Amino acid sequence: MRWKWRQTPVSPGRPPLQEETAALIQRLARENPTWGYVRIQGELRRLGHRVAAATIRRVLRRSGLPPAPQRASRQT
């Protein structure tokens, strides 16, 4: 019974996204304004990062970058 209460608590949920990965997502979105979430996800997978498209959308929304069609029209 004592062993149960001596364990360190484990935080629930998924670990947070690394700052380097978030910066890479923002850089890919800025340098390639016509790429959507799924295209960015594919390029990240090529580089060895497994990130969901919804996570990419959340990172871009938090950083103030609009979806791909709106990013592309602002650049032109």
C-alpha atoms as a PDB file:
ATOM      1  CA  MET A   1       0.000   0.000   0.000  1.00  0.00           C
ATOM      2  CA  ARG A   2       2.823   2.447   0.717  1.00  0.00           C
ATOM      3  CA  TRP A   3       4.341   1.896  -2.723  1.00  0.00           C
ATOM      4  CA  LYS A   4       1.223   3.230  -4.411  1.00  0.00           C
ATOM      5  CA  TRP A   5       1.463   6.599  -2.688  1.00  0.00           C
ATOM      6  CA  ARG A   6       5.215   6.984  -3.251  1.00  0.00           C
ATOM      7  CA  GLN A   7       4.978   7.050  -7.035  1.00  0.00           C
ATOM      8  CA  THR A   8       5.512  10.381  -8.724  1.00  0.00           C
ATOM      9  CA  PRO A   9       2.353  11.603 -10.430  1.00  0.00           C
ATOM     10  CA  VAL A  10       2.326  11.468 -14.220  1.00  0.00           C
ATOM     11  CA  SER A  11       0.826  14.452 -15.985  1.00  0.00           C
ATOM     12  CA  PRO A  12      -2.092  13.447 -18.225  1.00  0.00           C
ATOM     13  CA  GLY A  13      -2.269  14.140 -21.914  1.00  0.00           C
ATOM     14  CA  ARG A  14       0.052  14.509 -24.829  1.00  0.00           C
ATOM     15  CA  PRO A  15       3.435  16.200 -24.384  1.00  0.00           C
ATOM     16  CA  PRO A  16       3.621  19.773 -25.711  1.00  0.00           C
ATOM     17  CA  LEU A  17       4.939  20.525 -29.184  1.00  0.00           C
ATOM     18  CA  GLN A  18       8.619  21.460 -29.256  1.00  0.00           C
ATOM     19  CA  GLU A  19       9.413  25.107 -29.973  1.00  0.00           C
ATOM     20  CA  GLU A  20      11.752  24.122 -32.826  1.00  0.00           C
ATOM     21  CA  THR A  21       8.945  22.230 -34.548  1.00  0.00           C
ATOM     22  CA  ALA A  22       6.539  25.155 -34.145  1.00  0.00           C
ATOM     23  CA  ALA A  23       9.153  27.519 -35.592  1.00  0.00           C
ATOM     24  CA  LEU A  24       9.684  25.153 -38.532  1.00  0.00           C
ATOM     25  CA  ILE A  25       5.925  25.063 -39.203  1.00  0.00           C
ATOM     26  CA  GLN A  26       5.769  28.864 -39.214  1.00  0.00           C
ATOM     27  CA  ARG A  27       8.785  29.105 -41.496  1.00  0.00           C
ATOM     28  CA  LEU A  28       7.370  26.622 -44.005  1.00  0.00           C
ATOM     29  CA  ALA A  29       4.047  28.478 -44.045  1.00  0.00           C
ATOM     30  CA  ARG A  30       5.674  31.882 -44.579  1.00  0.00           C
ATOM     31  CA  GLU A  31       8.088  30.742 -47.288  1.00  0.00           C
ATOM     32  CA  ASN A  32       5.440  28.713 -49.153  1.00  0.00           C
ATOM     33  CA  PRO A  33       2.174  30.681 -49.014  1.00  0.00           C
ATOM     34  CA  THR A  34       0.271  28.281 -51.300  1.00  0.00           C
ATOM     35  CA  TRP A  35       0.924  25.222 -49.113  1.00  0.00           C
ATOM     36  CA  GLY A  36      -1.960  24.023 -46.972  1.00  0.00           C
ATOM     37  CA  TYR A  37      -1.886  22.178 -43.682  1.00  0.00           C
ATOM     38  CA  VAL A  38      -1.650  18.734 -45.268  1.00  0.00           C
ATOM     39  CA  ARG A  39       1.212  19.744 -47.565  1.00  0.00           C
ATOM     40  CA  ILE A  40       3.154  21.175 -44.616  1.00  0.00           C
ATOM     41  CA  GLN A  41       2.417  17.954 -42.725  1.00  0.00           C
ATOM     42  CA  GLY A  42       3.875  15.918 -45.596  1.00  0.00           C
ATOM     43  CA  GLU A  43       7.023  18.002 -45.762  1.00  0.00           C
ATOM     44  CA  LEU A  44       7.506  17.718 -42.007  1.00  0.00           C
ATOM     45  CA  ARG A  45       7.086  13.947 -42.260  1.00  0.00           C
ATOM     46  CA  ARG A  46       9.837  13.889 -44.898  1.00  0.00           C
ATOM     47  CA  LEU A  47      12.068  15.667 -42.396  1.00  0.00           C
ATOM     48  CA  GLY A  48      11.239  13.140 -39.698  1.00  0.00           C
ATOM     49  CA  HIS A  49       8.622  15.064 -37.693  1.00  0.00           C
ATOM     50  CA  ARG A  50       5.219  13.503 -37.050  1.00  0.00           C
ATOM     51  CA  VAL A  51       2.698  16.302 -36.599  1.00  0.00           C
ATOM     52  CA  ALA A  52      -1.048  16.242 -37.232  1.00  0.00           C
ATOM     53  CA  ALA A  53      -2.635  18.687 -39.668  1.00  0.00           C
ATOM     54  CA  ALA A  54      -4.847  19.983 -36.848  1.00  0.00           C
ATOM     55  CA  THR A  55      -1.749  20.784 -34.802  1.00  0.00           C
ATOM     56  CA  ILE A  56      -0.293  22.684 -37.756  1.00  0.00           C
ATOM     57  CA  ARG A  57      -3.533  24.632 -38.049  1.00  0.00           C
ATOM     58  CA  ARG A  58      -3.447  25.461 -34.343  1.00  0.00           C
ATOM     59  CA  VAL A  59       0.183  26.654 -34.524  1.00  0.00           C
ATOM     60  CA  LEU A  60      -0.498  28.854 -37.549  1.00  0.00           C
ATOM     61  CA  ARG A  61      -3.658  30.291 -36.026  1.00  0.00           C
ATOM     62  CA  ARG A  62      -1.816  31.082 -32.783  1.00  0.00           C
ATOM     63  CA  SER A  63       0.943  32.848 -34.724  1.00  0.00           C
ATOM     64  CA  GLY A  64      -1.551  34.899 -36.741  1.00  0.00           C
ATOM     65  CA  LEU A  65      -1.040  33.238 -40.122  1.00  0.00           C
ATOM     66  CA  PRO A  66      -4.258  32.695 -42.138  1.00  0.00           C
ATOM     67  CA  PRO A  67      -5.104  29.548 -44.141  1.00  0.00           C
ATOM     68  CA  ALA A  68      -3.263  28.878 -47.418  1.00  0.00           C
ATOM     69  CA  PRO A  69      -5.595  30.604 -49.938  1.00  0.00           C
ATOM     70  CA  GLN A  70      -5.594  33.800 -47.880  1.00  0.00           C
ATOM     71  CA  ARG A  71      -1.810  33.680 -47.378  1.00  0.00           C
ATOM     72  CA  ALA A  72      -1.288  33.253 -51.116  1.00  0.00           C
ATOM     73  CA  SER A  73      -3.526  36.191 -52.018  1.00  0.00           C
ATOM     74  CA  ARG A  74      -1.686  38.493 -49.594  1.00  0.00           C
ATOM     75  CA  GLN A  75       1.681  37.687 -51.154  1.00  0.00           C
ATOM     76  CA  THR A  76       0.594  38.469 -54.709  1.00  0.00           C
END
